[in-house]
Amino acid sequence: MSEKIAIVGSGLIGRSWAVLFARGGYRVVLYDVKEELMTQAMEVIEAQLQSLHQSNLLLGREPAECFSRVTTSTSLSSAVEGALLLQECVPEDVELKRKVFSELDTLVSDTTILSSSTSCIVPSKFTESLSHRSNCIVSHPVNPPHYCPAVEIIPAPWTTDLVKDKTINIMKQIGMKPVVAKKECDGFILNRLQYAVLQESWRLVEDGVCDPQDVDTVMTSGLGLRWSFIGPFETIHLNAPGGVTDYAERYSEGIVRVSKQFGEPRHMSGETLEKVREYVEKDVPMDKHKDNLRWRDGVLKQLAVFKQSIPDKP
């Protein structure tokens, strides 16, 4: 019998985790406080498994086989009993996470990994007082996780190497690409990079350098195309004849000069917010928000399929 994964919270991220763990061959127990929430979640999970199968993204497994591994429970103690790993998926609130982890701490075995899906709260802020704190870690996925395989692994200062290594191995087994932080850092890795881009995008619009659509075009028709398969460091390595060292010698001074002009962070409000809102709602009106989410996920699915066909580097 396959090992058990418990998922606490049946929302968007909890459902996606259920799909990923079932795809990886694990038994999954999905917990939430209301039966109707889990009924809705199971419908979405079944549909997502079918969609992944149609695109050859189910790791060679059948959707019915994967779906049969997923069950639900309104009993937290029953859901977590005997679990190899517990994946917490409650809202992004540090007090709520403290409360949930404190309760879980009284229910789990000494070997269960307590993993949080938090996107930017460092694990030491909600695990310090736990008796099982050495088993606590963050596994933060990118939305939607079943098409974006990167997952940030953030150990607390007291997380054991064994727990960290086991978490990394589990993530690899289910088709994810773990990125490991060597220490806690506010915002982790993904959001610090994302926030840096968002902040400079905001400054460029707020200071009258360009319109919001120009920022999006630079990303979708420029930087984003390269970064989607080689990332910023490999990009600069290939953009100079002598590689990254050559690039640094050629462009470092200019990068530092421009970076000094970035200034203080800008609040996302006021006239600039209204300008950005008008731009995005022109192409993505709120009454078609869900339709455009489905369109986005469809494109991400096509990209996931395409990236499977990218040849290895020479």
C-alpha atoms as a PDB file:
ATOM      1  CA  MET A   1       0.000   0.000   0.000  1.00  0.00           C
ATOM      2  CA  SER A   2       1.303   3.485  -0.924  1.00  0.00           C
ATOM      3  CA  GLU A   3       2.218   6.003   1.765  1.00  0.00           C
ATOM      4  CA  LYS A   4      -0.282   8.572   2.970  1.00  0.00           C
ATOM      5  CA  ILE A   5      -0.301  12.334   2.506  1.00  0.00           C
ATOM      6  CA  ALA A   6      -2.707  14.530   4.503  1.00  0.00           C
ATOM      7  CA  ILE A   7      -3.827  17.883   3.083  1.00  0.00           C
ATOM      8  CA  VAL A   8      -5.388  20.424   5.420  1.00  0.00           C
ATOM      9  CA  GLY A   9      -7.593  22.802   3.436  1.00  0.00           C
ATOM     10  CA  SER A  10      -9.532  21.986   0.237  1.00  0.00           C
ATOM     11  CA  GLY A  11      -9.233  25.336  -1.531  1.00  0.00           C
ATOM     12  CA  LEU A  12      -7.375  26.098  -4.757  1.00  0.00           C
ATOM     13  CA  ILE A  13      -3.917  25.103  -3.513  1.00  0.00           C
ATOM     14  CA  GLY A  14      -5.132  22.120  -1.482  1.00  0.00           C
ATOM     15  CA  ARG A  15      -6.888  20.707  -4.535  1.00  0.00           C
ATOM     16  CA  SER A  16      -3.785  21.148  -6.665  1.00  0.00           C
ATOM     17  CA  TRP A  17      -1.622  19.423  -4.063  1.00  0.00           C
ATOM     18  CA  ALA A  18      -4.087  16.521  -4.001  1.00  0.00           C
ATOM     19  CA  VAL A  19      -3.713  16.146  -7.767  1.00  0.00           C
ATOM     20  CA  LEU A  20       0.087  16.254  -7.567  1.00  0.00           C
ATOM     21  CA  PHE A  21       0.466  13.774  -4.709  1.00  0.00           C
ATOM     22  CA  ALA A  22      -2.041  11.360  -6.281  1.00  0.00           C
ATOM     23  CA  ARG A  23      -0.180  11.684  -9.585  1.00  0.00           C
ATOM     24  CA  GLY A  24       2.983  10.775  -7.713  1.00  0.00           C
ATOM     25  CA  GLY A  25       1.488   7.542  -6.413  1.00  0.00           C
ATOM     26  CA  TYR A  26       0.590   8.589  -2.851  1.00  0.00           C
ATOM     27  CA  ARG A  27      -2.663   8.014  -1.003  1.00  0.00           C
ATOM     28  CA  VAL A  28      -4.205  11.410  -0.245  1.00  0.00           C
ATOM     29  CA  VAL A  29      -6.637  12.361   2.504  1.00  0.00           C
ATOM     30  CA  LEU A  30      -8.111  15.821   2.028  1.00  0.00           C
ATOM     31  CA  TYR A  31      -9.408  17.523   5.176  1.00  0.00           C
ATOM     32  CA  ASP A  32     -11.770  20.455   5.535  1.00  0.00           C
ATOM     33  CA  VAL A  33     -14.401  21.526   8.038  1.00  0.00           C
ATOM     34  CA  LYS A  34     -17.411  21.130   5.721  1.00  0.00           C
ATOM     35  CA  GLU A  35     -18.362  18.128   3.620  1.00  0.00           C
ATOM     36  CA  GLU A  36     -19.758  20.295   0.819  1.00  0.00           C
ATOM     37  CA  LEU A  37     -16.382  22.029   0.391  1.00  0.00           C
ATOM     38  CA  MET A  38     -14.692  18.699  -0.165  1.00  0.00           C
ATOM     39  CA  THR A  39     -17.396  17.537  -2.558  1.00  0.00           C
ATOM     40  CA  GLN A  40     -16.653  20.580  -4.689  1.00  0.00           C
ATOM     41  CA  ALA A  41     -12.926  19.930  -4.362  1.00  0.00           C
ATOM     42  CA  MET A  42     -13.250  16.314  -5.508  1.00  0.00           C
ATOM     43  CA  GLU A  43     -15.086  17.411  -8.641  1.00  0.00           C
ATOM     44  CA  VAL A  44     -12.260  19.810  -9.481  1.00  0.00           C
ATOM     45  CA  ILE A  45      -9.587  17.210  -8.686  1.00  0.00           C
ATOM     46  CA  GLU A  46     -11.184  14.650 -11.007  1.00  0.00           C
ATOM     47  CA  ALA A  47     -11.399  17.218 -13.819  1.00  0.00           C
ATOM     48  CA  GLN A  48      -7.785  18.321 -13.331  1.00  0.00           C
ATOM     49  CA  LEU A  49      -6.557  14.731 -13.469  1.00  0.00           C
ATOM     50  CA  GLN A  50      -8.416  14.207 -16.740  1.00  0.00           C
ATOM     51  CA  SER A  51      -6.944  17.414 -18.156  1.00  0.00           C
ATOM     52  CA  LEU A  52      -3.396  16.445 -17.181  1.00  0.00           C
ATOM     53  CA  HIS A  53      -3.874  13.002 -18.715  1.00  0.00           C
ATOM     54  CA  GLN A  54      -5.070  14.488 -22.007  1.00  0.00           C
ATOM     55  CA  SER A  55      -1.853  16.513 -22.185  1.00  0.00           C
ATOM     56  CA  ASN A  56       0.438  13.638 -21.148  1.00  0.00           C
ATOM     57  CA  LEU A  57       1.245  15.371 -17.848  1.00  0.00           C
ATOM     58  CA  LEU A  58       0.130  12.590 -15.490  1.00  0.00           C
ATOM     59  CA  LEU A  59       3.525  10.856 -15.254  1.00  0.00           C
ATOM     60  CA  GLY A  60       2.249   7.872 -17.233  1.00  0.00           C
ATOM     61  CA  ARG A  61      -0.632   7.129 -14.865  1.00  0.00           C
ATOM     62  CA  GLU A  62      -4.355   6.837 -15.536  1.00  0.00           C
ATOM     63  CA  PRO A  63      -6.709   9.518 -14.128  1.00  0.00           C
ATOM     64  CA  ALA A  64      -9.084   6.964 -12.578  1.00  0.00           C
ATOM     65  CA  GLU A  65      -6.141   5.267 -10.844  1.00  0.00           C
ATOM     66  CA  CYS A  66      -4.976   8.602  -9.400  1.00  0.00           C
ATOM     67  CA  PHE A  67      -8.473   9.709  -8.404  1.00  0.00           C
ATOM     68  CA  SER A  68      -9.061   6.456  -6.537  1.00  0.00           C
ATOM     69  CA  ARG A  69      -6.199   7.389  -4.207  1.00  0.00           C
ATOM     70  CA  VAL A  70      -7.918  10.581  -3.015  1.00  0.00           C
ATOM     71  CA  THR A  71     -10.372  10.470  -0.111  1.00  0.00           C
ATOM     72  CA  THR A  72     -11.828  13.120   2.184  1.00  0.00           C
ATOM     73  CA  SER A  73     -12.373  13.538   5.901  1.00  0.00           C
ATOM     74  CA  THR A  74     -13.962  16.060   8.232  1.00  0.00           C
ATOM     75  CA  SER A  75     -11.963  14.580  11.121  1.00  0.00           C
ATOM     76  CA  LEU A  76      -8.554  16.202  11.430  1.00  0.00           C
ATOM     77  CA  SER A  77      -7.183  13.468  13.683  1.00  0.00           C
ATOM     78  CA  SER A  78      -8.276  10.773  11.248  1.00  0.00           C
ATOM     79  CA  ALA A  79      -6.875  12.688   8.267  1.00  0.00           C
ATOM     80  CA  VAL A  80      -3.387  13.096   9.722  1.00  0.00           C
ATOM     81  CA  GLU A  81      -3.081   9.680  11.392  1.00  0.00           C
ATOM     82  CA  GLY A  82      -0.129   7.786   9.958  1.00  0.00           C
ATOM     83  CA  ALA A  83       0.697  10.457   7.368  1.00  0.00           C
ATOM     84  CA  LEU A  84       4.181  10.610   5.889  1.00  0.00           C
ATOM     85  CA  LEU A  85       3.696  14.311   5.165  1.00  0.00           C
ATOM     86  CA  LEU A  86       1.017  16.824   6.057  1.00  0.00           C
ATOM     87  CA  GLN A  87       0.512  19.746   3.667  1.00  0.00           C
ATOM     88  CA  GLU A  88      -1.197  22.762   5.274  1.00  0.00           C
ATOM     89  CA  CYS A  89      -3.208  24.969   2.897  1.00  0.00           C
ATOM     90  CA  VAL A  90      -5.074  27.473   5.091  1.00  0.00           C
ATOM     91  CA  PRO A  91      -5.289  31.233   4.356  1.00  0.00           C
ATOM     92  CA  GLU A  92      -2.195  33.435   4.596  1.00  0.00           C
ATOM     93  CA  ASP A  93      -2.551  34.611   8.186  1.00  0.00           C
ATOM     94  CA  VAL A  94       0.214  34.005  10.717  1.00  0.00           C
ATOM     95  CA  GLU A  95      -2.140  33.754  13.707  1.00  0.00           C
ATOM     96  CA  LEU A  96      -4.318  31.226  11.900  1.00  0.00           C
ATOM     97  CA  LYS A  97      -1.256  29.195  10.971  1.00  0.00           C
ATOM     98  CA  ARG A  98      -0.059  29.219  14.588  1.00  0.00           C
ATOM     99  CA  LYS A  99      -3.452  27.942  15.689  1.00  0.00           C
ATOM    100  CA  VAL A 100      -3.599  25.224  13.027  1.00  0.00           C
ATOM    101  CA  PHE A 101      -0.034  24.039  13.594  1.00  0.00           C
ATOM    102  CA  SER A 102      -0.542  23.994  17.359  1.00  0.00           C
ATOM    103  CA  GLU A 103      -3.492  21.668  16.907  1.00  0.00           C
ATOM    104  CA  LEU A 104      -1.645  19.519  14.389  1.00  0.00           C
ATOM    105  CA  ASP A 105       1.283  19.280  16.796  1.00  0.00           C
ATOM    106  CA  THR A 106      -0.920  17.339  19.225  1.00  0.00           C
ATOM    107  CA  LEU A 107      -2.157  14.916  16.555  1.00  0.00           C
ATOM    108  CA  VAL A 108       0.787  13.913  14.362  1.00  0.00           C
ATOM    109  CA  SER A 109       3.351  11.190  14.937  1.00  0.00           C
ATOM    110  CA  ASP A 110       7.003  11.916  15.639  1.00  0.00           C
ATOM    111  CA  THR A 111       7.887  11.109  12.028  1.00  0.00           C
ATOM    112  CA  THR A 112       5.241  13.121  10.146  1.00  0.00           C
ATOM    113  CA  ILE A 113       6.574  16.071   8.144  1.00  0.00           C
ATOM    114  CA  LEU A 114       4.526  19.230   8.796  1.00  0.00           C
ATOM    115  CA  SER A 115       4.725  21.236   5.583  1.00  0.00           C
ATOM    116  CA  SER A 116       3.104  24.623   4.992  1.00  0.00           C
ATOM    117  CA  SER A 117       2.069  26.113   1.647  1.00  0.00           C
ATOM    118  CA  THR A 118       2.606  29.686   2.866  1.00  0.00           C
ATOM    119  CA  SER A 119       3.853  32.046   0.172  1.00  0.00           C
ATOM    120  CA  CYS A 120       5.924  34.403   2.325  1.00  0.00           C
ATOM    121  CA  ILE A 121       5.616  33.715   6.092  1.00  0.00           C
ATOM    122  CA  VAL A 122       8.864  32.205   7.361  1.00  0.00           C
ATOM    123  CA  PRO A 123       8.230  28.947   9.267  1.00  0.00           C
ATOM    124  CA  SER A 124       9.873  30.118  12.506  1.00  0.00           C
ATOM    125  CA  LYS A 125       6.977  32.556  12.995  1.00  0.00           C
ATOM    126  CA  PHE A 126       4.412  29.788  13.512  1.00  0.00           C
ATOM    127  CA  THR A 127       6.397  26.695  14.579  1.00  0.00           C
ATOM    128  CA  GLU A 128       8.791  27.827  17.338  1.00  0.00           C
ATOM    129  CA  SER A 129       6.734  26.591  20.303  1.00  0.00           C
ATOM    130  CA  LEU A 130       5.805  23.206  18.803  1.00  0.00           C
ATOM    131  CA  SER A 131       7.062  19.930  20.213  1.00  0.00           C
ATOM    132  CA  HIS A 132       7.455  18.668  16.618  1.00  0.00           C
ATOM    133  CA  ARG A 133       9.068  21.871  15.356  1.00  0.00           C
ATOM    134  CA  SER A 134      12.076  19.983  13.968  1.00  0.00           C
ATOM    135  CA  ASN A 135       9.660  18.327  11.510  1.00  0.00           C
ATOM    136  CA  CYS A 136       8.287  21.652  10.217  1.00  0.00           C
ATOM    137  CA  ILE A 137       9.109  23.107   6.821  1.00  0.00           C
ATOM    138  CA  VAL A 138       7.576  25.279   4.087  1.00  0.00           C
ATOM    139  CA  SER A 139       6.799  23.873   0.627  1.00  0.00           C
ATOM    140  CA  HIS A 140       5.498  26.867  -1.316  1.00  0.00           C
ATOM    141  CA  PRO A 141       4.129  26.081  -4.799  1.00  0.00           C
ATOM    142  CA  VAL A 142       3.571  28.407  -7.735  1.00  0.00           C
ATOM    143  CA  ASN A 143      -0.028  28.930  -8.833  1.00  0.00           C
ATOM    144  CA  PRO A 144      -1.272  26.777 -10.543  1.00  0.00           C
ATOM    145  CA  PRO A 145       1.053  24.065  -9.184  1.00  0.00           C
ATOM    146  CA  HIS A 146       0.021  21.355 -11.651  1.00  0.00           C
ATOM    147  CA  TYR A 147       1.392  23.456 -14.549  1.00  0.00           C
ATOM    148  CA  CYS A 148       4.149  25.385 -12.743  1.00  0.00           C
ATOM    149  CA  PRO A 149       6.399  22.761 -11.115  1.00  0.00           C
ATOM    150  CA  ALA A 150       8.712  25.034  -9.093  1.00  0.00           C
ATOM    151  CA  VAL A 151       8.281  24.649  -5.320  1.00  0.00           C
ATOM    152  CA  GLU A 152      10.195  26.620  -2.690  1.00  0.00           C
ATOM    153  CA  ILE A 153      11.519  24.563   0.224  1.00  0.00           C
ATOM    154  CA  ILE A 154      12.097  26.771   3.289  1.00  0.00           C
ATOM    155  CA  PRO A 155      13.401  25.068   6.439  1.00  0.00           C
ATOM    156  CA  ALA A 156      13.038  26.709   9.859  1.00  0.00           C
ATOM    157  CA  PRO A 157      16.253  27.177  11.859  1.00  0.00           C
ATOM    158  CA  TRP A 158      15.376  23.983  13.769  1.00  0.00           C
ATOM    159  CA  THR A 159      14.250  21.837  10.826  1.00  0.00           C
ATOM    160  CA  THR A 160      16.387  18.703  10.632  1.00  0.00           C
ATOM    161  CA  ASP A 161      18.387  17.862   7.518  1.00  0.00           C
ATOM    162  CA  LEU A 162      16.510  14.564   7.371  1.00  0.00           C
ATOM    163  CA  VAL A 163      13.147  16.344   7.125  1.00  0.00           C
ATOM    164  CA  LYS A 164      14.491  18.767   4.527  1.00  0.00           C
ATOM    165  CA  ASP A 165      15.960  15.973   2.389  1.00  0.00           C
ATOM    166  CA  LYS A 166      12.836  13.798   2.658  1.00  0.00           C
ATOM    167  CA  THR A 167      10.661  16.756   1.620  1.00  0.00           C
ATOM    168  CA  ILE A 168      12.868  17.460  -1.383  1.00  0.00           C
ATOM    169  CA  ASN A 169      12.737  13.814  -2.449  1.00  0.00           C
ATOM    170  CA  ILE A 170       8.952  13.668  -2.106  1.00  0.00           C
ATOM    171  CA  MET A 171       8.584  16.788  -4.237  1.00  0.00           C
ATOM    172  CA  LYS A 172      10.795  15.307  -6.935  1.00  0.00           C
ATOM    173  CA  GLN A 173       8.786  12.075  -6.862  1.00  0.00           C
ATOM    174  CA  ILE A 174       5.566  13.933  -7.657  1.00  0.00           C
ATOM    175  CA  GLY A 175       7.107  15.809 -10.592  1.00  0.00           C
ATOM    176  CA  MET A 176       7.972  19.095  -8.881  1.00  0.00           C
ATOM    177  CA  LYS A 177      11.223  21.053  -9.139  1.00  0.00           C
ATOM    178  CA  PRO A 178      12.287  22.033  -5.600  1.00  0.00           C
ATOM    179  CA  VAL A 179      14.263  25.211  -4.932  1.00  0.00           C
ATOM    180  CA  VAL A 180      15.866  25.175  -1.475  1.00  0.00           C
ATOM    181  CA  ALA A 181      16.480  28.293   0.624  1.00  0.00           C
ATOM    182  CA  LYS A 182      19.630  27.977   2.726  1.00  0.00           C
ATOM    183  CA  LYS A 183      18.086  30.190   5.413  1.00  0.00           C
ATOM    184  CA  GLU A 184      14.839  31.978   6.207  1.00  0.00           C
ATOM    185  CA  CYS A 185      14.237  35.120   4.174  1.00  0.00           C
ATOM    186  CA  ASP A 186      11.156  37.340   4.232  1.00  0.00           C
ATOM    187  CA  GLY A 187       9.247  36.767   0.980  1.00  0.00           C
ATOM    188  CA  PHE A 188      11.343  33.692   0.145  1.00  0.00           C
ATOM    189  CA  ILE A 189      12.904  33.576  -3.336  1.00  0.00           C
ATOM    190  CA  LEU A 190      10.047  33.681  -5.825  1.00  0.00           C
ATOM    191  CA  ASN A 191       8.175  36.601  -4.306  1.00  0.00           C
ATOM    192  CA  ARG A 192      11.322  38.653  -3.725  1.00  0.00           C
ATOM    193  CA  LEU A 193      12.077  38.360  -7.437  1.00  0.00           C
ATOM    194  CA  GLN A 194       8.448  38.970  -8.355  1.00  0.00           C
ATOM    195  CA  TYR A 195       8.196  42.003  -6.062  1.00  0.00           C
ATOM    196  CA  ALA A 196      11.380  43.502  -7.516  1.00  0.00           C
ATOM    197  CA  VAL A 197       9.891  43.328 -11.017  1.00  0.00           C
ATOM    198  CA  LEU A 198       6.514  44.651  -9.818  1.00  0.00           C
ATOM    199  CA  GLN A 199       8.086  47.559  -7.958  1.00  0.00           C
ATOM    200  CA  GLU A 200      10.169  48.703 -10.926  1.00  0.00           C
ATOM    201  CA  SER A 201       7.164  48.223 -13.226  1.00  0.00           C
ATOM    202  CA  TRP A 202       5.191  50.485 -10.897  1.00  0.00           C
ATOM    203  CA  ARG A 203       7.944  53.136 -10.851  1.00  0.00           C
ATOM    204  CA  LEU A 204       8.191  53.204 -14.644  1.00  0.00           C
ATOM    205  CA  VAL A 205       4.449  53.835 -14.967  1.00  0.00           C
ATOM    206  CA  GLU A 206       4.208  56.219 -11.993  1.00  0.00           C
ATOM    207  CA  ASP A 207       7.166  58.308 -13.213  1.00  0.00           C
ATOM    208  CA  GLY A 208       5.710  58.619 -16.714  1.00  0.00           C
ATOM    209  CA  VAL A 209       8.377  56.559 -18.460  1.00  0.00           C
ATOM    210  CA  CYS A 210       5.891  54.223 -20.153  1.00  0.00           C
ATOM    211  CA  ASP A 211       2.315  52.949 -20.080  1.00  0.00           C
ATOM    212  CA  PRO A 212       1.263  49.766 -18.267  1.00  0.00           C
ATOM    213  CA  GLN A 213       0.828  47.850 -21.513  1.00  0.00           C
ATOM    214  CA  ASP A 214       4.444  48.569 -22.442  1.00  0.00           C
ATOM    215  CA  VAL A 215       5.643  46.892 -19.245  1.00  0.00           C
ATOM    216  CA  ASP A 216       3.597  43.784 -20.012  1.00  0.00           C
ATOM    217  CA  THR A 217       4.845  43.710 -23.613  1.00  0.00           C
ATOM    218  CA  VAL A 218       8.481  43.919 -22.499  1.00  0.00           C
ATOM    219  CA  MET A 219       7.870  40.850 -20.346  1.00  0.00           C
ATOM    220  CA  THR A 220       5.650  38.745 -22.652  1.00  0.00           C
ATOM    221  CA  SER A 221       7.562  39.532 -25.859  1.00  0.00           C
ATOM    222  CA  GLY A 222      11.028  40.026 -24.387  1.00  0.00           C
ATOM    223  CA  LEU A 223      12.366  39.072 -20.982  1.00  0.00           C
ATOM    224  CA  GLY A 224       9.723  36.470 -20.199  1.00  0.00           C
ATOM    225  CA  LEU A 225      10.405  34.467 -23.350  1.00  0.00           C
ATOM    226  CA  ARG A 226      14.030  33.898 -22.372  1.00  0.00           C
ATOM    227  CA  TRP A 227      13.456  33.521 -18.652  1.00  0.00           C
ATOM    228  CA  SER A 228      10.873  30.789 -19.186  1.00  0.00           C
ATOM    229  CA  PHE A 229      13.556  28.282 -20.115  1.00  0.00           C
ATOM    230  CA  ILE A 230      17.002  29.600 -19.118  1.00  0.00           C
ATOM    231  CA  GLY A 231      16.505  32.149 -16.329  1.00  0.00           C
ATOM    232  CA  PRO A 232      18.375  35.433 -15.689  1.00  0.00           C
ATOM    233  CA  PHE A 233      21.818  33.995 -14.887  1.00  0.00           C
ATOM    234  CA  GLU A 234      22.002  31.720 -17.920  1.00  0.00           C
ATOM    235  CA  THR A 235      20.620  34.596 -20.015  1.00  0.00           C
ATOM    236  CA  ILE A 236      23.510  36.919 -19.146  1.00  0.00           C
ATOM    237  CA  HIS A 237      25.998  34.053 -19.537  1.00  0.00           C
ATOM    238  CA  LEU A 238      24.838  33.585 -23.144  1.00  0.00           C
ATOM    239  CA  ASN A 239      24.513  37.314 -23.867  1.00  0.00           C
ATOM    240  CA  ALA A 240      28.272  37.978 -23.696  1.00  0.00           C
ATOM    241  CA  PRO A 241      30.894  36.236 -25.859  1.00  0.00           C
ATOM    242  CA  GLY A 242      33.026  35.384 -22.819  1.00  0.00           C
ATOM    243  CA  GLY A 243      30.147  34.243 -20.613  1.00  0.00           C
ATOM    244  CA  VAL A 244      29.016  35.592 -17.261  1.00  0.00           C
ATOM    245  CA  THR A 245      32.422  36.992 -16.278  1.00  0.00           C
ATOM    246  CA  ASP A 246      32.600  38.918 -19.535  1.00  0.00           C
ATOM    247  CA  TYR A 247      29.033  40.167 -19.018  1.00  0.00           C
ATOM    248  CA  ALA A 248      29.850  41.408 -15.512  1.00  0.00           C
ATOM    249  CA  GLU A 249      32.944  43.243 -16.760  1.00  0.00           C
ATOM    250  CA  ARG A 250      31.000  44.876 -19.598  1.00  0.00           C
ATOM    251  CA  TYR A 251      27.763  45.815 -17.847  1.00  0.00           C
ATOM    252  CA  SER A 252      28.206  45.797 -14.064  1.00  0.00           C
ATOM    253  CA  GLU A 253      28.900  49.524 -13.766  1.00  0.00           C
ATOM    254  CA  GLY A 254      25.806  50.406 -15.775  1.00  0.00           C
ATOM    255  CA  ILE A 255      23.653  48.003 -13.774  1.00  0.00           C
ATOM    256  CA  VAL A 256      24.835  49.542 -10.493  1.00  0.00           C
ATOM    257  CA  ARG A 257      24.283  53.095 -11.829  1.00  0.00           C
ATOM    258  CA  VAL A 258      20.703  52.352 -12.879  1.00  0.00           C
ATOM    259  CA  SER A 259      19.949  50.348  -9.733  1.00  0.00           C
ATOM    260  CA  LYS A 260      20.907  53.298  -7.528  1.00  0.00           C
ATOM    261  CA  GLN A 261      18.062  55.249  -9.137  1.00  0.00           C
ATOM    262  CA  PHE A 262      15.355  52.804  -8.046  1.00  0.00           C
ATOM    263  CA  GLY A 263      14.798  54.595  -4.744  1.00  0.00           C
ATOM    264  CA  GLU A 264      12.283  53.732  -2.048  1.00  0.00           C
ATOM    265  CA  PRO A 265       9.488  51.180  -2.609  1.00  0.00           C
ATOM    266  CA  ARG A 266       6.259  52.592  -4.036  1.00  0.00           C
ATOM    267  CA  HIS A 267       2.834  51.929  -2.566  1.00  0.00           C
ATOM    268  CA  MET A 268       0.493  50.363  -5.082  1.00  0.00           C
ATOM    269  CA  SER A 269      -2.259  52.962  -4.825  1.00  0.00           C
ATOM    270  CA  GLY A 270      -3.533  56.293  -6.102  1.00  0.00           C
ATOM    271  CA  GLU A 271      -3.456  57.460  -9.722  1.00  0.00           C
ATOM    272  CA  THR A 272      -1.034  54.768 -10.815  1.00  0.00           C
ATOM    273  CA  LEU A 273      -3.278  52.022  -9.485  1.00  0.00           C
ATOM    274  CA  GLU A 274      -6.200  53.546 -11.386  1.00  0.00           C
ATOM    275  CA  LYS A 275      -4.109  53.691 -14.574  1.00  0.00           C
ATOM    276  CA  VAL A 276      -3.073  50.042 -14.215  1.00  0.00           C
ATOM    277  CA  ARG A 277      -6.647  49.010 -13.380  1.00  0.00           C
ATOM    278  CA  GLU A 278      -8.021  50.740 -16.483  1.00  0.00           C
ATOM    279  CA  TYR A 279      -5.442  48.986 -18.639  1.00  0.00           C
ATOM    280  CA  VAL A 280      -5.924  45.455 -17.322  1.00  0.00           C
ATOM    281  CA  GLU A 281      -9.719  45.671 -17.148  1.00  0.00           C
ATOM    282  CA  LYS A 282      -9.888  46.810 -20.764  1.00  0.00           C
ATOM    283  CA  ASP A 283      -8.479  43.468 -21.926  1.00  0.00           C
ATOM    284  CA  VAL A 284      -9.516  41.414 -18.905  1.00  0.00           C
ATOM    285  CA  PRO A 285     -12.877  42.795 -17.677  1.00  0.00           C
ATOM    286  CA  MET A 286     -13.994  41.612 -14.264  1.00  0.00           C
ATOM    287  CA  ASP A 287     -17.118  39.953 -15.686  1.00  0.00           C
ATOM    288  CA  LYS A 288     -14.769  37.666 -17.655  1.00  0.00           C
ATOM    289  CA  HIS A 289     -12.240  37.171 -14.884  1.00  0.00           C
ATOM    290  CA  LYS A 290     -12.933  33.438 -14.485  1.00  0.00           C
ATOM    291  CA  ASP A 291     -12.905  32.930 -18.247  1.00  0.00           C
ATOM    292  CA  ASN A 292      -9.479  34.534 -18.431  1.00  0.00           C
ATOM    293  CA  LEU A 293      -8.224  32.404 -15.541  1.00  0.00           C
ATOM    294  CA  ARG A 294      -9.209  29.328 -17.550  1.00  0.00           C
ATOM    295  CA  TRP A 295      -7.485  30.825 -20.615  1.00  0.00           C
ATOM    296  CA  ARG A 296      -4.312  31.449 -18.564  1.00  0.00           C
ATOM    297  CA  ASP A 297      -4.298  27.902 -17.228  1.00  0.00           C
ATOM    298  CA  GLY A 298      -4.848  26.554 -20.736  1.00  0.00           C
ATOM    299  CA  VAL A 299      -1.842  28.454 -22.037  1.00  0.00           C
ATOM    300  CA  LEU A 300       0.258  27.325 -19.068  1.00  0.00           C
ATOM    301  CA  LYS A 301      -0.753  23.745 -19.849  1.00  0.00           C
ATOM    302  CA  GLN A 302       0.423  24.172 -23.441  1.00  0.00           C
ATOM    303  CA  LEU A 303       3.703  25.638 -22.201  1.00  0.00           C
ATOM    304  CA  ALA A 304       4.153  22.707 -19.789  1.00  0.00           C
ATOM    305  CA  VAL A 305       3.645  20.287 -22.666  1.00  0.00           C
ATOM    306  CA  PHE A 306       6.034  22.244 -24.906  1.00  0.00           C
ATOM    307  CA  LYS A 307       8.750  22.384 -22.256  1.00  0.00           C
ATOM    308  CA  GLN A 308       8.743  18.591 -22.149  1.00  0.00           C
ATOM    309  CA  SER A 309       9.863  18.634 -25.788  1.00  0.00           C
ATOM    310  CA  ILE A 310      12.748  21.098 -25.299  1.00  0.00           C
ATOM    311  CA  PRO A 311      15.985  19.249 -26.078  1.00  0.00           C
ATOM    312  CA  ASP A 312      18.744  19.017 -23.506  1.00  0.00           C
ATOM    313  CA  LYS A 313      21.630  21.479 -23.749  1.00  0.00           C
ATOM    314  CA  PRO A 314      24.516  20.288 -25.948  1.00  0.00           C
END
